[in-house]
Each structure stands twice: as C-alpha cells, then as structure tokens.
Amino acid sequence: MENKKKIKDKRKYHREALCVKFRLDTGEDVISAKSFNLSHNGIYCQVNKLIALMTKVRLTFHLPADGGKKKVVNCSGVVVRAEEDIDEKTLNNVFNIAIFFDEMEEKEKVKVLLDNM
C-alpha cells in the first residue's frame, strides 16, 4: 500500500495559463519572451538568452480582453528562477524563467486580476 502525501501549493495567487509574446528590457538588452502562465504577482516565461537571477527587468505585455481588444500591462520585476531547457521545435537551448512583479501600478494589477483570474 502506497502512502502518498499531497503537497500543498503554497502560492498566494492562482496561476492562469496564458501564452503571449512580449519583450523584456534588462537595461542592457531587449529579449523576446513567450509566457506560459501569469498570476497576480508574477509571470513564467521562456527566453532564448539566459538572464541572471535577481536581474531587474521591465516588461510590457498584452492581455486578451472583450471584443478582441488587448489590454496593455506595463510593469517591472525581478528574475527569481531560471532553468535551461530545449525548444522541442528547434532543438535550441532556451531558458524558462520566473519573474516576480516588484513594481506594478494598481491599475495594472486590476487588469491582471479582473480579466485573467
């Protein structure tokens, strides 16, 4: 008989699957990114260049909205996780990174929360 313990998810906010393309500005470079998911306090995405942990980034992404329109979200964050991976289509090295939103105006938070959570 197996005794499997359930691991409790300690995340404070729900994550929503979301695939959007956007750009990250590190201050030294602008890097293309593709998101996997989004929460009230961060985004998990893929980039083709390693970004060091604790690097501050600025990002702008577009969220789907009613009527086919897009809502623009501008914020900044810090890279808190980076893992090397392989792109299944191109077989190139890519990096999956987690960005914690450290600066986001209240109106931007509302866009993320109301439309996607």
C-alpha atoms as a PDB file:
ATOM      1  CA  MET A   1       0.000   0.000   0.000  1.00  0.00           C
ATOM      2  CA  GLU A   2       1.438   3.326  -1.060  1.00  0.00           C
ATOM      3  CA  ASN A   3       1.303   6.273   1.245  1.00  0.00           C
ATOM      4  CA  LYS A   4       1.398   9.370  -0.932  1.00  0.00           C
ATOM      5  CA  LYS A   5       1.389  12.747   0.727  1.00  0.00           C
ATOM      6  CA  LYS A   6      -0.277  15.577  -1.077  1.00  0.00           C
ATOM      7  CA  ILE A   7       1.972  18.578  -1.388  1.00  0.00           C
ATOM      8  CA  LYS A   8       0.095  21.738  -0.581  1.00  0.00           C
ATOM      9  CA  ASP A   9       0.557  24.543  -3.081  1.00  0.00           C
ATOM     10  CA  LYS A  10       1.965  27.460  -1.097  1.00  0.00           C
ATOM     11  CA  ARG A  11       1.336  30.040  -3.777  1.00  0.00           C
ATOM     12  CA  LYS A  12      -0.578  33.065  -2.634  1.00  0.00           C
ATOM     13  CA  TYR A  13      -2.244  33.692  -6.006  1.00  0.00           C
ATOM     14  CA  HIS A  14      -3.790  31.448  -8.646  1.00  0.00           C
ATOM     15  CA  ARG A  15      -1.851  30.975 -11.901  1.00  0.00           C
ATOM     16  CA  GLU A  16      -3.661  31.239 -15.201  1.00  0.00           C
ATOM     17  CA  ALA A  17      -2.319  29.577 -18.347  1.00  0.00           C
ATOM     18  CA  LEU A  18      -1.557  32.361 -20.794  1.00  0.00           C
ATOM     19  CA  CYS A  19       0.539  32.244 -23.958  1.00  0.00           C
ATOM     20  CA  VAL A  20       1.514  35.714 -25.134  1.00  0.00           C
ATOM     21  CA  LYS A  21       4.669  37.009 -26.776  1.00  0.00           C
ATOM     22  CA  PHE A  22       6.346  40.070 -25.295  1.00  0.00           C
ATOM     23  CA  ARG A  23       9.725  41.722 -24.720  1.00  0.00           C
ATOM     24  CA  LEU A  24      11.830  42.069 -21.586  1.00  0.00           C
ATOM     25  CA  ASP A  25      14.164  45.020 -21.126  1.00  0.00           C
ATOM     26  CA  THR A  26      17.121  44.273 -18.842  1.00  0.00           C
ATOM     27  CA  GLY A  27      18.626  47.722 -19.225  1.00  0.00           C
ATOM     28  CA  GLU A  28      21.428  46.202 -21.286  1.00  0.00           C
ATOM     29  CA  ASP A  29      19.402  44.129 -23.729  1.00  0.00           C
ATOM     30  CA  VAL A  30      15.875  43.654 -25.040  1.00  0.00           C
ATOM     31  CA  ILE A  31      14.892  39.984 -25.155  1.00  0.00           C
ATOM     32  CA  SER A  32      11.869  38.308 -26.772  1.00  0.00           C
ATOM     33  CA  ALA A  33       9.785  36.137 -24.447  1.00  0.00           C
ATOM     34  CA  LYS A  34       6.778  33.824 -24.555  1.00  0.00           C
ATOM     35  CA  SER A  35       4.652  33.343 -21.436  1.00  0.00           C
ATOM     36  CA  PHE A  36       3.398  30.055 -20.026  1.00  0.00           C
ATOM     37  CA  ASN A  37       1.319  31.424 -17.164  1.00  0.00           C
ATOM     38  CA  LEU A  38       0.525  34.548 -15.212  1.00  0.00           C
ATOM     39  CA  SER A  39      -0.505  35.342 -11.665  1.00  0.00           C
ATOM     40  CA  HIS A  40      -1.181  38.485  -9.689  1.00  0.00           C
ATOM     41  CA  ASN A  41       2.450  38.635  -8.613  1.00  0.00           C
ATOM     42  CA  GLY A  42       4.458  37.150 -11.474  1.00  0.00           C
ATOM     43  CA  ILE A  43       4.855  35.581 -14.876  1.00  0.00           C
ATOM     44  CA  TYR A  44       6.546  32.352 -16.002  1.00  0.00           C
ATOM     45  CA  CYS A  45       8.014  32.566 -19.473  1.00  0.00           C
ATOM     46  CA  GLN A  46      10.593  31.308 -21.954  1.00  0.00           C
ATOM     47  CA  VAL A  47      13.502  33.297 -23.411  1.00  0.00           C
ATOM     48  CA  ASN A  48      16.358  32.362 -25.716  1.00  0.00           C
ATOM     49  CA  LYS A  49      19.058  34.048 -23.632  1.00  0.00           C
ATOM     50  CA  LEU A  50      19.961  33.438 -20.001  1.00  0.00           C
ATOM     51  CA  ILE A  51      19.012  36.270 -17.663  1.00  0.00           C
ATOM     52  CA  ALA A  52      20.835  36.121 -14.333  1.00  0.00           C
ATOM     53  CA  LEU A  53      18.896  35.663 -11.120  1.00  0.00           C
ATOM     54  CA  MET A  54      17.880  38.895  -9.393  1.00  0.00           C
ATOM     55  CA  THR A  55      18.130  40.862 -12.653  1.00  0.00           C
ATOM     56  CA  LYS A  56      15.619  43.707 -12.702  1.00  0.00           C
ATOM     57  CA  VAL A  57      13.525  43.758 -15.902  1.00  0.00           C
ATOM     58  CA  ARG A  58      10.832  45.976 -17.424  1.00  0.00           C
ATOM     59  CA  LEU A  59       8.097  44.283 -19.388  1.00  0.00           C
ATOM     60  CA  THR A  60       5.046  45.153 -21.403  1.00  0.00           C
ATOM     61  CA  PHE A  61       2.558  42.509 -22.417  1.00  0.00           C
ATOM     62  CA  HIS A  62      -0.915  42.460 -23.927  1.00  0.00           C
ATOM     63  CA  LEU A  63      -3.776  40.613 -22.255  1.00  0.00           C
ATOM     64  CA  PRO A  64      -6.789  39.411 -24.206  1.00  0.00           C
ATOM     65  CA  ALA A  65      -9.947  41.414 -23.488  1.00  0.00           C
ATOM     66  CA  ASP A  66     -13.580  41.500 -24.545  1.00  0.00           C
ATOM     67  CA  GLY A  67     -14.333  42.385 -28.148  1.00  0.00           C
ATOM     68  CA  GLY A  68     -10.980  41.171 -29.440  1.00  0.00           C
ATOM     69  CA  LYS A  69      -9.188  44.131 -27.936  1.00  0.00           C
ATOM     70  CA  LYS A  70      -6.000  43.805 -25.926  1.00  0.00           C
ATOM     71  CA  LYS A  71      -5.171  45.401 -22.583  1.00  0.00           C
ATOM     72  CA  VAL A  72      -1.603  46.618 -22.227  1.00  0.00           C
ATOM     73  CA  VAL A  73       0.158  45.897 -18.916  1.00  0.00           C
ATOM     74  CA  ASN A  74       3.404  47.712 -18.052  1.00  0.00           C
ATOM     75  CA  CYS A  75       5.408  46.665 -15.007  1.00  0.00           C
ATOM     76  CA  SER A  76       8.800  45.713 -13.685  1.00  0.00           C
ATOM     77  CA  GLY A  77      10.009  42.645 -11.934  1.00  0.00           C
ATOM     78  CA  VAL A  78      12.947  40.560 -10.809  1.00  0.00           C
ATOM     79  CA  VAL A  79      14.080  37.217 -12.244  1.00  0.00           C
ATOM     80  CA  VAL A  80      13.714  34.724  -9.379  1.00  0.00           C
ATOM     81  CA  ARG A  81      14.165  31.428 -11.236  1.00  0.00           C
ATOM     82  CA  ALA A  82      15.953  30.380 -14.417  1.00  0.00           C
ATOM     83  CA  GLU A  83      16.159  26.856 -15.825  1.00  0.00           C
ATOM     84  CA  GLU A  84      17.792  25.722 -19.041  1.00  0.00           C
ATOM     85  CA  ASP A  85      15.592  23.721 -21.414  1.00  0.00           C
ATOM     86  CA  ILE A  86      15.420  22.580 -25.048  1.00  0.00           C
ATOM     87  CA  ASP A  87      12.912  24.019 -27.523  1.00  0.00           C
ATOM     88  CA  GLU A  88      11.098  20.958 -28.907  1.00  0.00           C
ATOM     89  CA  LYS A  89      10.563  22.515 -32.335  1.00  0.00           C
ATOM     90  CA  THR A  90      14.025  23.957 -32.999  1.00  0.00           C
ATOM     91  CA  LEU A  91      16.105  21.836 -30.586  1.00  0.00           C
ATOM     92  CA  ASN A  92      17.840  25.068 -29.500  1.00  0.00           C
ATOM     93  CA  ASN A  93      18.683  25.871 -25.896  1.00  0.00           C
ATOM     94  CA  VAL A  94      16.125  28.107 -24.209  1.00  0.00           C
ATOM     95  CA  PHE A  95      15.578  29.275 -20.648  1.00  0.00           C
ATOM     96  CA  ASN A  96      12.385  29.096 -18.614  1.00  0.00           C
ATOM     97  CA  ILE A  97      12.324  31.984 -16.166  1.00  0.00           C
ATOM     98  CA  ALA A  98      10.038  33.178 -13.401  1.00  0.00           C
ATOM     99  CA  ILE A  99       9.652  36.916 -12.870  1.00  0.00           C
ATOM    100  CA  PHE A 100       8.280  38.321  -9.640  1.00  0.00           C
ATOM    101  CA  PHE A 101       6.442  41.611 -10.191  1.00  0.00           C
ATOM    102  CA  ASP A 102       8.029  44.069  -7.779  1.00  0.00           C
ATOM    103  CA  GLU A 103       6.544  47.257  -9.222  1.00  0.00           C
ATOM    104  CA  MET A 104       3.091  47.343 -10.720  1.00  0.00           C
ATOM    105  CA  GLU A 105       0.668  50.212 -10.514  1.00  0.00           C
ATOM    106  CA  GLU A 106      -2.736  49.431  -9.053  1.00  0.00           C
ATOM    107  CA  LYS A 107      -4.490  49.921 -12.403  1.00  0.00           C
ATOM    108  CA  GLU A 108      -2.161  47.300 -13.949  1.00  0.00           C
ATOM    109  CA  LYS A 109      -2.935  44.832 -11.123  1.00  0.00           C
ATOM    110  CA  VAL A 110      -6.638  45.293 -11.774  1.00  0.00           C
ATOM    111  CA  LYS A 111      -6.152  44.374 -15.450  1.00  0.00           C
ATOM    112  CA  VAL A 112      -4.341  41.182 -14.484  1.00  0.00           C
ATOM    113  CA  LEU A 113      -6.777  40.196 -11.742  1.00  0.00           C
ATOM    114  CA  LEU A 114     -10.124  41.005 -13.312  1.00  0.00           C
ATOM    115  CA  ASP A 115      -9.534  39.644 -16.781  1.00  0.00           C
ATOM    116  CA  ASN A 116      -7.433  36.584 -16.093  1.00  0.00           C
ATOM    117  CA  MET A 117      -8.047  35.200 -12.623  1.00  0.00           C
END
